[in-house]
Amino acid sequence: MEAAGEVGELLVRYEAPLLRAAGLDGVEVHYSTHSKSQTASYLELAQRLDLLVTGGSDFHGITKPDIEVGYGRGDLKVNPRLLEPLKAAAATRR
């Protein structure tokens, strides 16, 4: 991992508990530019801190016609099962 990535990883790891205490609900685990090790690290973090697991394909409608909702660049496919916990969390906020 490059130095900037290591610094970012350390910030996430040590700042995330503080952010969780301040109300952080989830972390974008699945993203097209995350390496396999970053995805695994973010998933472990989400599980450890009981955070929602999310994913982003960077779908922005017609401005990115090569990307579909839930399918990003590379082999990214965001599992649709991640949506139900997000909906449940949103429903408690109404």
Protein backbone atom coordinates (compact mmCIF):
# COMPACT_ATOMS: atom_id res chain seq x y z
CA MET A 1 0.00 0.00 0.00
CA GLU A 2 1.30 3.45 -0.84
CA ALA A 3 2.06 5.92 1.93
CA ALA A 4 -1.06 8.06 1.34
CA GLY A 5 -3.21 4.94 1.43
CA GLU A 6 -1.60 3.86 4.69
CA VAL A 7 -2.28 7.26 6.25
CA GLY A 8 -5.90 7.11 5.08
CA GLU A 9 -6.26 3.61 6.44
CA LEU A 10 -4.89 4.68 9.82
CA LEU A 11 -7.23 7.68 9.94
CA VAL A 12 -10.21 5.46 9.15
CA ARG A 13 -9.21 2.89 11.72
CA TYR A 14 -8.58 5.33 14.57
CA GLU A 15 -11.09 8.07 13.75
CA ALA A 16 -13.97 5.74 12.89
CA PRO A 17 -14.81 4.87 16.51
CA LEU A 18 -15.05 8.59 17.29
CA LEU A 19 -17.21 9.14 14.23
CA ARG A 20 -19.39 6.18 15.24
CA ALA A 21 -19.88 7.72 18.67
CA ALA A 22 -20.85 10.98 16.94
CA GLY A 23 -23.52 9.24 14.86
CA LEU A 24 -21.81 7.60 11.88
CA ASP A 25 -24.12 4.86 10.62
CA GLY A 26 -22.30 3.21 7.74
CA VAL A 27 -19.21 2.86 5.61
CA GLU A 28 -18.86 2.48 1.86
CA VAL A 29 -17.22 -0.92 1.80
CA HIS A 30 -17.77 -1.69 -1.88
CA TYR A 31 -16.41 0.82 -4.39
CA SER A 32 -14.78 0.37 -7.76
CA THR A 33 -11.44 1.93 -6.81
CA HIS A 34 -11.06 0.04 -3.53
CA SER A 35 -8.47 -2.70 -3.60
CA LYS A 36 -9.46 -6.14 -2.32
CA SER A 37 -7.54 -5.45 0.89
CA GLN A 38 -9.30 -2.09 1.37
CA THR A 39 -12.69 -3.73 0.86
CA ALA A 40 -11.80 -6.42 3.40
CA SER A 41 -10.51 -3.81 5.85
CA TYR A 42 -13.62 -1.64 5.54
CA LEU A 43 -15.87 -4.68 5.92
CA GLU A 44 -14.03 -5.71 9.09
CA LEU A 45 -14.33 -2.14 10.38
CA ALA A 46 -18.07 -2.06 9.67
CA GLN A 47 -18.58 -5.37 11.44
CA ARG A 48 -16.44 -4.37 14.41
CA LEU A 49 -18.26 -1.05 14.90
CA ASP A 50 -21.70 -2.37 13.92
CA LEU A 51 -21.91 0.00 10.95
CA LEU A 52 -24.11 -0.39 7.90
CA VAL A 53 -22.25 -1.80 4.90
CA THR A 54 -22.84 0.23 1.76
CA GLY A 55 -21.52 0.28 -1.77
CA GLY A 56 -21.31 2.82 -4.52
CA SER A 57 -21.20 2.33 -8.25
CA ASP A 58 -20.89 6.05 -9.03
CA PHE A 59 -24.06 5.91 -11.11
CA HIS A 60 -25.01 9.47 -11.99
CA GLY A 61 -27.62 8.90 -14.68
CA ILE A 62 -26.94 10.07 -18.21
CA THR A 63 -23.71 11.80 -17.18
CA LYS A 64 -22.10 8.36 -16.81
CA PRO A 65 -23.85 6.16 -19.38
CA ASP A 66 -21.32 3.33 -19.01
CA ILE A 67 -22.32 2.75 -15.37
CA GLU A 68 -25.56 1.19 -14.17
CA VAL A 69 -27.02 1.40 -10.68
CA GLY A 70 -25.18 -1.16 -8.57
CA TYR A 71 -22.60 -2.00 -11.23
CA GLY A 72 -19.37 -0.02 -11.27
CA ARG A 73 -16.14 -0.09 -13.15
CA GLY A 74 -14.07 -3.23 -13.04
CA ASP A 75 -15.89 -6.14 -11.48
CA LEU A 76 -17.88 -4.10 -8.95
CA LYS A 77 -21.37 -5.38 -8.27
CA VAL A 78 -23.06 -3.97 -5.18
CA ASN A 79 -25.18 -6.67 -3.59
CA PRO A 80 -28.83 -5.58 -3.54
CA ARG A 81 -29.20 -7.20 -0.10
CA LEU A 82 -27.35 -4.19 1.33
CA LEU A 83 -30.41 -2.05 0.62
CA GLU A 84 -32.75 -3.56 3.22
CA PRO A 85 -30.63 -2.63 6.27
CA LEU A 86 -30.33 0.91 4.84
CA LYS A 87 -34.10 1.15 4.44
CA ALA A 88 -34.63 -0.15 7.98
CA ALA A 89 -32.19 2.40 9.39
CA ALA A 90 -33.85 5.21 7.43
CA ALA A 91 -37.28 4.18 8.67
CA THR A 92 -36.20 4.63 12.29
CA ARG A 93 -35.27 8.24 11.53
CA ARG A 94 -38.68 9.38 10.35
